[in-house]
C-alpha atoms as a PDB file:
ATOM      1  CA  UNK A   1     -64.538 -84.637 208.711  1.00  0.00           C
ATOM      2  CA  UNK A   2     -62.953 -81.416 210.093  1.00  0.00           C
ATOM      3  CA  UNK A   3     -63.831 -80.191 213.344  1.00  0.00           C
ATOM      4  CA  UNK A   4     -65.843 -77.361 212.182  1.00  0.00           C
ATOM      5  CA  UNK A   5     -67.575 -79.346 209.642  1.00  0.00           C
ATOM      6  CA  UNK A   6     -68.711 -81.562 212.347  1.00  0.00           C
ATOM      7  CA  UNK A   7     -69.929 -78.656 214.348  1.00  0.00           C
ATOM      8  CA  UNK A   8     -71.698 -77.112 211.707  1.00  0.00           C
ATOM      9  CA  UNK A   9     -73.408 -80.513 210.817  1.00  0.00           C
ATOM     10  CA  UNK A  10     -74.250 -81.054 214.417  1.00  0.00           C
ATOM     11  CA  UNK A  11     -75.878 -77.587 214.700  1.00  0.00           C
ATOM     12  CA  UNK A  12     -77.952 -78.030 211.435  1.00  0.00           C
ATOM     13  CA  UNK A  13     -78.867 -81.552 212.568  1.00  0.00           C
ATOM     14  CA  UNK A  14     -79.843 -80.575 215.947  1.00  0.00           C
ATOM     15  CA  UNK A  15     -82.189 -77.977 215.126  1.00  0.00           C
ATOM     16  CA  UNK A  16     -83.578 -79.796 212.134  1.00  0.00           C
ATOM     17  CA  UNK A  17     -87.423 -80.983 211.883  1.00  0.00           C
ATOM     18  CA  UNK A  18     -88.180 -80.272 215.640  1.00  0.00           C
ATOM     19  CA  UNK A  19     -91.746 -79.215 216.620  1.00  0.00           C
ATOM     20  CA  UNK A  20     -93.812 -78.635 219.569  1.00  0.00           C
ATOM     21  CA  UNK A  21     -96.572 -80.346 221.377  1.00  0.00           C
ATOM     22  CA  UNK A  22     -99.415 -78.616 219.419  1.00  0.00           C
ATOM     23  CA  UNK A  23    -102.203 -77.042 221.188  1.00  0.00           C
ATOM     24  CA  UNK A  24    -103.505 -73.715 219.754  1.00  0.00           C
ATOM     25  CA  UNK A  25    -103.426 -71.118 217.216  1.00  0.00           C
ATOM     26  CA  UNK A  26    -101.824 -72.427 213.865  1.00  0.00           C
ATOM     27  CA  UNK A  27    -101.561 -75.996 215.102  1.00  0.00           C
ATOM     28  CA  UNK A  28    -105.338 -76.466 215.051  1.00  0.00           C
ATOM     29  CA  UNK A  29    -105.066 -77.642 211.445  1.00  0.00           C
ATOM     30  CA  UNK A  30    -102.336 -79.816 211.723  1.00  0.00           C
ATOM     31  CA  UNK A  31    -102.504 -83.344 210.797  1.00  0.00           C
ATOM     32  CA  UNK A  32    -100.690 -86.521 210.903  1.00  0.00           C
ATOM     33  CA  UNK A  33     -98.950 -86.095 207.184  1.00  0.00           C
ATOM     34  CA  UNK A  34     -96.225 -84.301 209.081  1.00  0.00           C
ATOM     35  CA  UNK A  35     -95.416 -87.590 211.084  1.00  0.00           C
ATOM     36  CA  UNK A  36     -95.669 -89.490 207.876  1.00  0.00           C
ATOM     37  CA  UNK A  37     -93.446 -87.171 205.971  1.00  0.00           C
ATOM     38  CA  UNK A  38     -90.711 -87.208 208.530  1.00  0.00           C
ATOM     39  CA  UNK A  39     -90.625 -91.073 208.956  1.00  0.00           C
ATOM     40  CA  UNK A  40     -90.202 -91.275 205.265  1.00  0.00           C
ATOM     41  CA  UNK A  41     -87.509 -88.600 205.246  1.00  0.00           C
ATOM     42  CA  UNK A  42     -85.657 -90.463 208.067  1.00  0.00           C
ATOM     43  CA  UNK A  43     -85.514 -93.541 205.698  1.00  0.00           C
ATOM     44  CA  UNK A  44     -83.942 -91.219 203.087  1.00  0.00           C
ATOM     45  CA  UNK A  45     -86.808 -91.036 200.485  1.00  0.00           C
ATOM     46  CA  UNK A  46     -86.554 -87.485 200.005  1.00  0.00           C
ATOM     47  CA  UNK A  47     -88.767 -87.196 197.011  1.00  0.00           C
ATOM     48  CA  UNK A  48     -91.721 -89.123 198.506  1.00  0.00           C
ATOM     49  CA  UNK A  49     -91.381 -86.858 201.761  1.00  0.00           C
ATOM     50  CA  UNK A  50     -91.602 -83.839 199.600  1.00  0.00           C
ATOM     51  CA  UNK A  51     -94.808 -85.148 197.918  1.00  0.00           C
ATOM     52  CA  UNK A  52     -96.430 -85.576 201.486  1.00  0.00           C
ATOM     53  CA  UNK A  53     -95.140 -81.935 202.882  1.00  0.00           C
ATOM     54  CA  UNK A  54     -96.546 -80.392 199.454  1.00  0.00           C
ATOM     55  CA  UNK A  55    -100.051 -82.263 200.144  1.00  0.00           C
ATOM     56  CA  UNK A  56    -100.113 -80.569 203.736  1.00  0.00           C
ATOM     57  CA  UNK A  57     -99.152 -77.195 202.202  1.00  0.00           C
ATOM     58  CA  UNK A  58    -102.053 -77.685 199.515  1.00  0.00           C
ATOM     59  CA  UNK A  59    -104.590 -78.221 202.322  1.00  0.00           C
ATOM     60  CA  UNK A  60    -103.265 -75.723 204.881  1.00  0.00           C
ATOM     61  CA  UNK A  61    -101.617 -72.834 202.724  1.00  0.00           C
ATOM     62  CA  UNK A  62    -101.770 -70.452 205.634  1.00  0.00           C
ATOM     63  CA  UNK A  63    -100.089 -72.833 208.135  1.00  0.00           C
ATOM     64  CA  UNK A  64     -96.200 -72.274 208.142  1.00  0.00           C
ATOM     65  CA  UNK A  65     -95.710 -75.827 209.478  1.00  0.00           C
ATOM     66  CA  UNK A  66     -95.740 -77.370 206.014  1.00  0.00           C
ATOM     67  CA  UNK A  67     -92.970 -74.883 204.681  1.00  0.00           C
ATOM     68  CA  UNK A  68     -90.939 -75.159 207.949  1.00  0.00           C
ATOM     69  CA  UNK A  69     -90.619 -79.166 207.673  1.00  0.00           C
ATOM     70  CA  UNK A  70     -90.051 -78.723 204.003  1.00  0.00           C
ATOM     71  CA  UNK A  71     -87.310 -76.417 204.694  1.00  0.00           C
ATOM     72  CA  UNK A  72     -85.738 -79.049 207.070  1.00  0.00           C
ATOM     73  CA  UNK A  73     -86.092 -81.786 204.311  1.00  0.00           C
ATOM     74  CA  UNK A  74     -84.037 -79.758 201.823  1.00  0.00           C
ATOM     75  CA  UNK A  75     -81.519 -78.585 204.621  1.00  0.00           C
ATOM     76  CA  UNK A  76     -81.056 -82.285 205.493  1.00  0.00           C
ATOM     77  CA  UNK A  77     -80.714 -83.227 202.046  1.00  0.00           C
ATOM     78  CA  UNK A  78     -78.147 -80.744 201.026  1.00  0.00           C
ATOM     79  CA  UNK A  79     -76.245 -82.053 204.025  1.00  0.00           C
ATOM     80  CA  UNK A  80     -76.673 -85.370 203.023  1.00  0.00           C
ATOM     81  CA  UNK A  81     -75.431 -85.029 199.521  1.00  0.00           C
ATOM     82  CA  UNK A  82     -72.831 -82.243 200.230  1.00  0.00           C
ATOM     83  CA  UNK A  83     -74.528 -80.356 197.524  1.00  0.00           C
ATOM     84  CA  UNK A  84     -76.215 -76.911 197.510  1.00  0.00           C
ATOM     85  CA  UNK A  85     -78.350 -78.014 194.696  1.00  0.00           C
ATOM     86  CA  UNK A  86     -81.752 -77.556 196.547  1.00  0.00           C
ATOM     87  CA  UNK A  87     -80.942 -74.183 198.141  1.00  0.00           C
ATOM     88  CA  UNK A  88     -83.520 -72.190 196.003  1.00  0.00           C
ATOM     89  CA  UNK A  89     -86.305 -74.526 197.129  1.00  0.00           C
ATOM     90  CA  UNK A  90     -85.017 -74.522 200.610  1.00  0.00           C
ATOM     91  CA  UNK A  91     -84.978 -70.717 200.592  1.00  0.00           C
ATOM     92  CA  UNK A  92     -88.526 -70.351 199.353  1.00  0.00           C
ATOM     93  CA  UNK A  93     -89.659 -72.761 201.969  1.00  0.00           C
ATOM     94  CA  UNK A  94     -87.925 -71.026 204.831  1.00  0.00           C
ATOM     95  CA  UNK A  95     -89.044 -67.449 203.815  1.00  0.00           C
ATOM     96  CA  UNK A  96     -92.481 -68.692 203.494  1.00  0.00           C
ATOM     97  CA  UNK A  97     -92.405 -70.225 206.900  1.00  0.00           C
ATOM     98  CA  UNK A  98     -91.225 -66.971 208.363  1.00  0.00           C
ATOM     99  CA  UNK A  99     -93.631 -64.891 206.782  1.00  0.00           C
ATOM    100  CA  UNK A 100     -96.658 -67.034 207.568  1.00  0.00           C
ATOM    101  CA  UNK A 101     -95.381 -67.147 211.391  1.00  0.00           C
ATOM    102  CA  UNK A 102     -95.265 -63.454 211.079  1.00  0.00           C
ATOM    103  CA  UNK A 103     -99.007 -63.324 210.103  1.00  0.00           C
ATOM    104  CA  UNK A 104    -100.043 -65.683 212.655  1.00  0.00           C
ATOM    105  CA  UNK A 105     -98.419 -63.601 215.503  1.00  0.00           C
ATOM    106  CA  UNK A 106     -99.987 -60.624 214.391  1.00  0.00           C
ATOM    107  CA  UNK A 107    -103.258 -62.302 214.642  1.00  0.00           C
ATOM    108  CA  UNK A 108    -102.343 -64.227 217.984  1.00  0.00           C
ATOM    109  CA  UNK A 109     -99.301 -62.981 219.815  1.00  0.00           C
ATOM    110  CA  UNK A 110     -99.600 -65.747 222.117  1.00  0.00           C
ATOM    111  CA  UNK A 111     -99.210 -68.612 219.633  1.00  0.00           C
ATOM    112  CA  UNK A 112     -96.377 -70.694 221.196  1.00  0.00           C
ATOM    113  CA  UNK A 113     -96.194 -72.794 218.372  1.00  0.00           C
ATOM    114  CA  UNK A 114     -95.773 -69.979 215.689  1.00  0.00           C
ATOM    115  CA  UNK A 115     -92.945 -68.702 217.842  1.00  0.00           C
ATOM    116  CA  UNK A 116     -91.272 -72.114 217.916  1.00  0.00           C
ATOM    117  CA  UNK A 117     -91.602 -72.449 214.012  1.00  0.00           C
ATOM    118  CA  UNK A 118     -90.121 -69.135 213.444  1.00  0.00           C
ATOM    119  CA  UNK A 119     -87.272 -69.843 215.671  1.00  0.00           C
ATOM    120  CA  UNK A 120     -86.627 -73.034 214.114  1.00  0.00           C
ATOM    121  CA  UNK A 121     -86.669 -71.120 210.638  1.00  0.00           C
ATOM    122  CA  UNK A 122     -84.181 -68.744 211.914  1.00  0.00           C
ATOM    123  CA  UNK A 123     -82.127 -71.685 212.850  1.00  0.00           C
ATOM    124  CA  UNK A 124     -81.929 -73.147 209.436  1.00  0.00           C
ATOM    125  CA  UNK A 125     -80.746 -69.794 208.180  1.00  0.00           C
ATOM    126  CA  UNK A 126     -78.153 -69.734 210.965  1.00  0.00           C
ATOM    127  CA  UNK A 127     -76.866 -73.058 209.912  1.00  0.00           C
ATOM    128  CA  UNK A 128     -76.637 -72.068 206.385  1.00  0.00           C
ATOM    129  CA  UNK A 129     -74.809 -68.923 207.248  1.00  0.00           C
ATOM    130  CA  UNK A 130     -72.247 -71.042 209.098  1.00  0.00           C
ATOM    131  CA  UNK A 131     -72.002 -73.520 206.336  1.00  0.00           C
ATOM    132  CA  UNK A 132     -71.130 -70.362 204.000  1.00  0.00           C
ATOM    133  CA  UNK A 133     -68.400 -69.316 206.478  1.00  0.00           C
ATOM    134  CA  UNK A 134     -70.712 -66.203 207.376  1.00  0.00           C
ATOM    135  CA  UNK A 135     -70.168 -66.540 211.159  1.00  0.00           C
ATOM    136  CA  UNK A 136     -71.307 -63.026 212.213  1.00  0.00           C
ATOM    137  CA  UNK A 137     -74.726 -63.488 210.261  1.00  0.00           C
ATOM    138  CA  UNK A 138     -74.974 -66.964 211.679  1.00  0.00           C
ATOM    139  CA  UNK A 139     -74.489 -65.737 215.028  1.00  0.00           C
ATOM    140  CA  UNK A 140     -77.207 -62.849 214.755  1.00  0.00           C
ATOM    141  CA  UNK A 141     -79.742 -65.346 213.292  1.00  0.00           C
ATOM    142  CA  UNK A 142     -79.217 -67.798 215.968  1.00  0.00           C
ATOM    143  CA  UNK A 143     -79.682 -65.031 218.529  1.00  0.00           C
ATOM    144  CA  UNK A 144     -83.191 -64.546 216.843  1.00  0.00           C
ATOM    145  CA  UNK A 145     -83.694 -68.180 217.012  1.00  0.00           C
ATOM    146  CA  UNK A 146     -83.084 -68.787 220.394  1.00  0.00           C
ATOM    147  CA  UNK A 147     -85.232 -65.556 221.525  1.00  0.00           C
ATOM    148  CA  UNK A 148     -88.264 -67.273 219.867  1.00  0.00           C
ATOM    149  CA  UNK A 149     -87.620 -70.565 221.342  1.00  0.00           C
ATOM    150  CA  UNK A 150     -87.399 -69.010 224.765  1.00  0.00           C
ATOM    151  CA  UNK A 151     -90.692 -67.077 224.156  1.00  0.00           C
ATOM    152  CA  UNK A 152     -92.430 -70.205 223.038  1.00  0.00           C
ATOM    153  CA  UNK A 153     -91.407 -71.915 226.145  1.00  0.00           C
ATOM    154  CA  UNK A 154     -92.581 -68.870 228.273  1.00  0.00           C
ATOM    155  CA  UNK A 155     -95.978 -69.245 226.568  1.00  0.00           C
ATOM    156  CA  UNK A 156     -96.080 -72.772 227.136  1.00  0.00           C
ATOM    157  CA  UNK A 157     -94.005 -74.634 229.604  1.00  0.00           C
ATOM    158  CA  UNK A 158     -94.746 -78.052 228.453  1.00  0.00           C
ATOM    159  CA  UNK A 159     -93.467 -77.193 224.907  1.00  0.00           C
ATOM    160  CA  UNK A 160     -90.494 -79.413 225.364  1.00  0.00           C
ATOM    161  CA  UNK A 161     -89.219 -79.473 221.659  1.00  0.00           C
ATOM    162  CA  UNK A 162     -88.141 -75.881 222.266  1.00  0.00           C
ATOM    163  CA  UNK A 163     -85.466 -77.357 224.570  1.00  0.00           C
ATOM    164  CA  UNK A 164     -83.751 -78.570 221.574  1.00  0.00           C
ATOM    165  CA  UNK A 165     -82.961 -75.201 220.126  1.00  0.00           C
ATOM    166  CA  UNK A 166     -82.174 -73.575 223.263  1.00  0.00           C
ATOM    167  CA  UNK A 167     -79.930 -76.506 224.387  1.00  0.00           C
ATOM    168  CA  UNK A 168     -78.144 -76.529 220.772  1.00  0.00           C
ATOM    169  CA  UNK A 169     -77.585 -72.718 221.415  1.00  0.00           C
ATOM    170  CA  UNK A 170     -76.000 -73.328 224.766  1.00  0.00           C
ATOM    171  CA  UNK A 171     -73.839 -75.958 223.636  1.00  0.00           C
ATOM    172  CA  UNK A 172     -72.730 -74.364 220.382  1.00  0.00           C
ATOM    173  CA  UNK A 173     -72.498 -70.896 221.772  1.00  0.00           C
ATOM    174  CA  UNK A 174     -69.566 -72.308 224.101  1.00  0.00           C
ATOM    175  CA  UNK A 175     -67.954 -74.059 221.076  1.00  0.00           C
ATOM    176  CA  UNK A 176     -68.023 -70.789 219.215  1.00  0.00           C
ATOM    177  CA  UNK A 177     -66.068 -68.841 221.672  1.00  0.00           C
ATOM    178  CA  UNK A 178     -63.155 -71.057 220.999  1.00  0.00           C
ATOM    179  CA  UNK A 179     -63.395 -70.738 217.125  1.00  0.00           C
ATOM    180  CA  UNK A 180     -64.571 -67.051 216.840  1.00  0.00           C
ATOM    181  CA  UNK A 181     -62.405 -65.197 219.149  1.00  0.00           C
ATOM    182  CA  UNK A 182     -64.248 -61.912 218.744  1.00  0.00           C
ATOM    183  CA  UNK A 183     -67.094 -63.639 220.711  1.00  0.00           C
ATOM    184  CA  UNK A 184     -67.189 -62.815 224.642  1.00  0.00           C
ATOM    185  CA  UNK A 185     -66.781 -65.963 226.749  1.00  0.00           C
ATOM    186  CA  UNK A 186     -69.885 -66.564 228.913  1.00  0.00           C
ATOM    187  CA  UNK A 187     -69.201 -69.640 230.755  1.00  0.00           C
ATOM    188  CA  UNK A 188     -69.268 -73.240 229.758  1.00  0.00           C
ATOM    189  CA  UNK A 189     -72.842 -74.213 229.260  1.00  0.00           C
ATOM    190  CA  UNK A 190     -72.167 -77.392 227.068  1.00  0.00           C
ATOM    191  CA  UNK A 191     -73.508 -79.581 229.944  1.00  0.00           C
ATOM    192  CA  UNK A 192     -76.613 -77.532 230.229  1.00  0.00           C
ATOM    193  CA  UNK A 193     -77.136 -77.813 226.393  1.00  0.00           C
ATOM    194  CA  UNK A 194     -76.766 -81.345 226.462  1.00  0.00           C
ATOM    195  CA  UNK A 195     -79.147 -81.675 229.359  1.00  0.00           C
ATOM    196  CA  UNK A 196     -81.833 -79.599 227.450  1.00  0.00           C
ATOM    197  CA  UNK A 197     -81.586 -81.591 224.404  1.00  0.00           C
ATOM    198  CA  UNK A 198     -82.186 -84.884 226.135  1.00  0.00           C
ATOM    199  CA  UNK A 199     -85.254 -83.341 227.567  1.00  0.00           C
ATOM    200  CA  UNK A 200     -86.476 -82.701 224.014  1.00  0.00           C
ATOM    201  CA  UNK A 201     -85.672 -86.214 222.914  1.00  0.00           C
ATOM    202  CA  UNK A 202     -87.410 -87.740 226.140  1.00  0.00           C
ATOM    203  CA  UNK A 203     -90.597 -85.362 226.309  1.00  0.00           C
ATOM    204  CA  UNK A 204     -90.785 -83.405 222.788  1.00  0.00           C
ATOM    205  CA  UNK A 205     -93.370 -84.220 220.233  1.00  0.00           C
ATOM    206  CA  UNK A 206     -91.200 -84.636 217.206  1.00  0.00           C
ATOM    207  CA  UNK A 207     -87.678 -84.401 218.624  1.00  0.00           C
ATOM    208  CA  UNK A 208     -86.747 -87.886 219.338  1.00  0.00           C
ATOM    209  CA  UNK A 209     -84.944 -89.060 216.057  1.00  0.00           C
ATOM    210  CA  UNK A 210     -83.170 -85.587 215.130  1.00  0.00           C
ATOM    211  CA  UNK A 211     -82.548 -84.929 218.762  1.00  0.00           C
ATOM    212  CA  UNK A 212     -80.924 -88.190 219.123  1.00  0.00           C
ATOM    213  CA  UNK A 213     -78.834 -87.239 215.935  1.00  0.00           C
ATOM    214  CA  UNK A 214     -77.995 -84.155 217.386  1.00  0.00           C
ATOM    215  CA  UNK A 215     -76.633 -85.622 220.564  1.00  0.00           C
ATOM    216  CA  UNK A 216     -74.701 -88.323 218.530  1.00  0.00           C
ATOM    217  CA  UNK A 217     -72.581 -85.497 216.934  1.00  0.00           C
ATOM    218  CA  UNK A 218     -72.388 -83.357 220.090  1.00  0.00           C
ATOM    219  CA  UNK A 219     -70.859 -86.470 221.780  1.00  0.00           C
ATOM    220  CA  UNK A 220     -68.802 -86.903 218.873  1.00  0.00           C
ATOM    221  CA  UNK A 221     -67.549 -83.393 219.098  1.00  0.00           C
ATOM    222  CA  UNK A 222     -67.291 -83.624 222.795  1.00  0.00           C
ATOM    223  CA  UNK A 223     -65.148 -86.603 222.822  1.00  0.00           C
ATOM    224  CA  UNK A 224     -67.779 -88.789 224.660  1.00  0.00           C
ATOM    225  CA  UNK A 225     -66.864 -91.784 222.221  1.00  0.00           C
ATOM    226  CA  UNK A 226     -68.799 -94.420 224.240  1.00  0.00           C
ATOM    227  CA  UNK A 227     -71.885 -92.596 224.138  1.00  0.00           C
ATOM    228  CA  UNK A 228     -71.415 -91.650 220.590  1.00  0.00           C
ATOM    229  CA  UNK A 229     -71.110 -95.259 219.583  1.00  0.00           C
ATOM    230  CA  UNK A 230     -74.121 -96.350 221.530  1.00  0.00           C
ATOM    231  CA  UNK A 231     -76.268 -93.754 219.933  1.00  0.00           C
ATOM    232  CA  UNK A 232     -74.649 -94.183 216.482  1.00  0.00           C
ATOM    233  CA  UNK A 233     -75.230 -97.689 216.442  1.00  0.00           C
ATOM    234  CA  UNK A 234     -78.979 -97.153 217.775  1.00  0.00           C
ATOM    235  CA  UNK A 235     -79.660 -94.901 214.847  1.00  0.00           C
ATOM    236  CA  UNK A 236     -78.125 -97.141 212.176  1.00  0.00           C
ATOM    237  CA  UNK A 237     -80.250 -99.952 213.381  1.00  0.00           C
ATOM    238  CA  UNK A 238     -83.621 -97.773 213.206  1.00  0.00           C
ATOM    239  CA  UNK A 239     -82.484 -96.548 209.767  1.00  0.00           C
ATOM    240  CA  UNK A 240     -80.087 -99.261 208.042  1.00  0.00           C
ATOM    241  CA  UNK A 241     -80.509 -97.820 204.604  1.00  0.00           C
ATOM    242  CA  UNK A 242     -79.981 -94.334 205.034  1.00  0.00           C
ATOM    243  CA  UNK A 243     -76.333 -93.069 204.846  1.00  0.00           C
ATOM    244  CA  UNK A 244     -77.200 -90.035 206.658  1.00  0.00           C
ATOM    245  CA  UNK A 245     -77.259 -91.777 209.927  1.00  0.00           C
ATOM    246  CA  UNK A 246     -74.306 -94.048 209.186  1.00  0.00           C
ATOM    247  CA  UNK A 247     -71.144 -91.449 209.378  1.00  0.00           C
ATOM    248  CA  UNK A 248     -70.657 -90.831 213.066  1.00  0.00           C
ATOM    249  CA  UNK A 249     -69.637 -94.554 214.045  1.00  0.00           C
ATOM    250  CA  UNK A 250     -67.157 -95.103 211.671  1.00  0.00           C
ATOM    251  CA  UNK A 251     -65.564 -91.434 212.274  1.00  0.00           C
ATOM    252  CA  UNK A 252     -65.502 -92.207 216.087  1.00  0.00           C
ATOM    253  CA  UNK A 253     -63.722 -95.529 215.418  1.00  0.00           C
ATOM    254  CA  UNK A 254     -61.290 -93.959 212.992  1.00  0.00           C
ATOM    255  CA  UNK A 255     -60.360 -91.350 215.618  1.00  0.00           C
ATOM    256  CA  UNK A 256     -59.879 -94.140 218.015  1.00  0.00           C
ATOM    257  CA  UNK A 257     -57.780 -96.101 215.558  1.00  0.00           C
ATOM    258  CA  UNK A 258     -59.768 -99.154 215.711  1.00  0.00           C
ATOM    259  CA  UNK A 259     -58.993-100.111 212.461  1.00  0.00           C
ATOM    260  CA  UNK A 260     -60.834-103.578 212.157  1.00  0.00           C
ATOM    261  CA  UNK A 261     -64.007-102.161 213.373  1.00  0.00           C
ATOM    262  CA  UNK A 262     -63.658 -98.815 211.314  1.00  0.00           C
ATOM    263  CA  UNK A 263     -63.031-101.009 208.231  1.00  0.00           C
ATOM    264  CA  UNK A 264     -66.101-102.713 208.640  1.00  0.00           C
ATOM    265  CA  UNK A 265     -67.942 -99.603 209.512  1.00  0.00           C
ATOM    266  CA  UNK A 266     -66.649 -97.451 206.510  1.00  0.00           C
ATOM    267  CA  UNK A 267     -67.249-100.725 204.295  1.00  0.00           C
ATOM    268  CA  UNK A 268     -71.061-100.534 205.241  1.00  0.00           C
ATOM    269  CA  UNK A 269     -71.221 -97.003 204.579  1.00  0.00           C
ATOM    270  CA  UNK A 270     -69.509 -97.224 200.938  1.00  0.00           C
ATOM    271  CA  UNK A 271     -72.006 -99.804 200.141  1.00  0.00           C
ATOM    272  CA  UNK A 272     -75.053 -97.680 201.001  1.00  0.00           C
ATOM    273  CA  UNK A 273     -73.595 -94.787 199.193  1.00  0.00           C
ATOM    274  CA  UNK A 274     -72.830 -96.973 196.131  1.00  0.00           C
ATOM    275  CA  UNK A 275     -76.668 -97.577 196.149  1.00  0.00           C
ATOM    276  CA  UNK A 276     -77.414 -93.775 196.143  1.00  0.00           C
ATOM    277  CA  UNK A 277     -77.813 -91.372 193.346  1.00  0.00           C
ATOM    278  CA  UNK A 278     -74.994 -88.968 194.124  1.00  0.00           C
ATOM    279  CA  UNK A 279     -74.965 -85.633 192.576  1.00  0.00           C
ATOM    280  CA  UNK A 280     -71.372 -85.032 193.251  1.00  0.00           C
ATOM    281  CA  UNK A 281     -69.580 -88.278 194.511  1.00  0.00           C
ATOM    282  CA  UNK A 282     -68.263 -86.169 197.359  1.00  0.00           C
ATOM    283  CA  UNK A 283     -69.484 -88.732 199.960  1.00  0.00           C
ATOM    284  CA  UNK A 284     -68.050 -91.571 197.956  1.00  0.00           C
ATOM    285  CA  UNK A 285     -64.656 -90.133 197.662  1.00  0.00           C
ATOM    286  CA  UNK A 286     -64.250 -89.470 201.265  1.00  0.00           C
ATOM    287  CA  UNK A 287     -65.756 -92.848 202.410  1.00  0.00           C
ATOM    288  CA  UNK A 288     -63.493 -94.862 199.939  1.00  0.00           C
ATOM    289  CA  UNK A 289     -60.325 -92.950 200.956  1.00  0.00           C
ATOM    290  CA  UNK A 290     -61.127 -93.778 204.694  1.00  0.00           C
ATOM    291  CA  UNK A 291     -61.959 -97.333 203.913  1.00  0.00           C
ATOM    292  CA  UNK A 292     -58.649 -97.614 202.081  1.00  0.00           C
ATOM    293  CA  UNK A 293     -56.760 -96.018 204.974  1.00  0.00           C
ATOM    294  CA  UNK A 294     -58.473 -98.681 207.237  1.00  0.00           C
ATOM    295  CA  UNK A 295     -57.483-101.486 205.115  1.00  0.00           C
ATOM    296  CA  UNK A 296     -53.830-100.407 204.757  1.00  0.00           C
ATOM    297  CA  UNK A 297     -53.702-100.377 208.555  1.00  0.00           C
ATOM    298  CA  UNK A 298     -55.020-103.820 208.728  1.00  0.00           C
ATOM    299  CA  UNK A 299     -52.508-105.218 206.279  1.00  0.00           C
ATOM    300  CA  UNK A 300     -54.951-105.784 203.437  1.00  0.00           C
ATOM    301  CA  UNK A 301     -52.869-104.077 200.745  1.00  0.00           C
ATOM    302  CA  UNK A 302     -54.286-105.218 197.580  1.00  0.00           C
ATOM    303  CA  UNK A 303     -57.978-104.227 198.948  1.00  0.00           C
ATOM    304  CA  UNK A 304     -56.492-100.798 200.221  1.00  0.00           C
ATOM    305  CA  UNK A 305     -55.036-100.150 196.787  1.00  0.00           C
ATOM    306  CA  UNK A 306     -58.318-100.983 194.952  1.00  0.00           C
ATOM    307  CA  UNK A 307     -60.313 -98.769 197.405  1.00  0.00           C
ATOM    308  CA  UNK A 308     -57.849 -95.916 197.250  1.00  0.00           C
ATOM    309  CA  UNK A 309     -57.842 -95.926 193.554  1.00  0.00           C
ATOM    310  CA  UNK A 310     -61.651 -96.073 193.726  1.00  0.00           C
ATOM    311  CA  UNK A 311     -61.727 -93.135 195.605  1.00  0.00           C
ATOM    312  CA  UNK A 312     -59.700 -90.733 193.113  1.00  0.00           C
ATOM    313  CA  UNK A 313     -61.478 -92.328 190.004  1.00  0.00           C
ATOM    314  CA  UNK A 314     -64.952 -90.917 190.848  1.00  0.00           C
ATOM    315  CA  UNK A 315     -65.976 -88.349 188.232  1.00  0.00           C
ATOM    316  CA  UNK A 316     -66.081 -84.785 190.039  1.00  0.00           C
ATOM    317  CA  UNK A 317     -67.359 -81.332 188.903  1.00  0.00           C
ATOM    318  CA  UNK A 318     -64.811 -78.507 189.195  1.00  0.00           C
ATOM    319  CA  UNK A 319     -66.104 -77.282 192.789  1.00  0.00           C
ATOM    320  CA  UNK A 320     -66.419 -80.793 194.261  1.00  0.00           C
ATOM    321  CA  UNK A 321     -62.732 -81.676 193.069  1.00  0.00           C
ATOM    322  CA  UNK A 322     -61.574 -78.367 194.563  1.00  0.00           C
ATOM    323  CA  UNK A 323     -63.214 -79.210 197.902  1.00  0.00           C
ATOM    324  CA  UNK A 324     -61.695 -82.768 197.831  1.00  0.00           C
ATOM    325  CA  UNK A 325     -57.853 -81.866 197.058  1.00  0.00           C
ATOM    326  CA  UNK A 326     -56.515 -83.110 200.615  1.00  0.00           C
ATOM    327  CA  UNK A 327     -58.778 -86.243 200.449  1.00  0.00           C
ATOM    328  CA  UNK A 328     -57.533 -87.395 197.032  1.00  0.00           C
ATOM    329  CA  UNK A 329     -53.961 -86.493 197.730  1.00  0.00           C
ATOM    330  CA  UNK A 330     -54.128 -88.784 201.084  1.00  0.00           C
ATOM    331  CA  UNK A 331     -55.675 -91.399 198.635  1.00  0.00           C
ATOM    332  CA  UNK A 332     -53.033 -91.506 196.410  1.00  0.00           C
ATOM    333  CA  UNK A 333     -50.588 -91.825 199.329  1.00  0.00           C
ATOM    334  CA  UNK A 334     -52.315 -94.624 200.368  1.00  0.00           C
ATOM    335  CA  UNK A 335     -52.063 -96.087 196.826  1.00  0.00           C
ATOM    336  CA  UNK A 336     -48.248 -95.732 197.098  1.00  0.00           C
ATOM    337  CA  UNK A 337     -47.902 -97.190 200.383  1.00  0.00           C
ATOM    338  CA  UNK A 338     -50.023-100.277 199.496  1.00  0.00           C
ATOM    339  CA  UNK A 339     -48.260-100.750 196.270  1.00  0.00           C
ATOM    340  CA  UNK A 340     -44.865-100.498 198.161  1.00  0.00           C
ATOM    341  CA  UNK A 341     -46.076-103.138 200.825  1.00  0.00           C
ATOM    342  CA  UNK A 342     -47.266-105.409 197.851  1.00  0.00           C
ATOM    343  CA  UNK A 343     -43.901-105.275 196.344  1.00  0.00           C
ATOM    344  CA  UNK A 344     -42.039-106.092 199.584  1.00  0.00           C
ATOM    345  CA  UNK A 345     -44.225-109.130 200.169  1.00  0.00           C
ATOM    346  CA  UNK A 346     -43.463-110.610 196.682  1.00  0.00           C
END
C-alpha cells in the first residue's frame, strides 16, 4: 500500500465505531444490540450486522446511535472491499446521525453522547473526503469532529472513547503537515495522539477493537514495526476469518524483507480473500502479486509464476483495472523473472 493510502485507512479505522460510556440524554434508550452488531461486524459478517443495527433503529428511531454505527459499518465495508458500492447507504446513515444529534442537542445542550456521535459522524465524512483526494474538505470536517469530541470530553471527563478521535486528530494533523504543505506546522503531536488512543482502548466502552486497529496502522505508518507485528498478530488471532484485520502483518514483513514470513502471511491472506465474495477483485490482485514476489525472493520460481499469473488473471471492471495498473505490471515482471530462473535451472 502507498503511504497516503495507509494513512487514510488508519485515519478511517481509528475513528470507526467508537462510542462513549453512556450516561444520559440519547443514551437512555441504548441497548445491547449495538455490542452484538459490532462483534458480528468484527467477524466480517456485514449483512448480519446491518440487520441488527436496523433492528435497533426501528425500535429507537430518534436515537442517532443506530445510524452512526451503521455508517461506520458501511465505511468499514467500503475500505475492506476497496469499493464505493455502499456509498449511498453510508451517506444516508451519516446524514441521519448528524440530523438526529442536532435535534438531541437542541433539546439538551449538555448531552455529551450526542456531541460524541456527531463528532464521529463528521470524522466519517472527513475520512471519505480524504479518500477522494479532497484534503481541504477533509481538514475542515476533521476540525468539526475534534471540536465535538473535545466538547463531549469537557461535559463528561470520563467519556474516554472521545480520546480516540482527539488522539487520531493529533497524530494525523502532524502527518498532514508533511503531505499538505499549505497547513501550518504546529509541532509534533504524534506521541500525544498515540497516548490518547491507548487511553481510549484501555478505558473506553467501545473502543478496544477498532482502537487497536487504529494503533496497528499508526505503528505501521510510524515505523514501529515490533509493536505493529505484536498488535497485528493479536487481532489476527481474535478475528481469524476476517481479511480486514490481516493486512498489516504481511505489509510490515514485506517492508522488512522477511520474505519467508511474508510469504506465509500473504498466503493466509490470499486464502481468506478467495473465500470472500469480492465485488471487484482489487484485494486479490494486490495480495496475489505480493505473494508472488515473496515466492520469487524465496527461490520458489514455479509457485511465483503461478501466483503472479493468477494476479493478472482476475476479471476487473474498468475503474479497478485503472487503479491496478502498477500492481499488474509488477506481477508481469515477477512472471518474467520467474520464467527466466526456471529456464536457467533446467
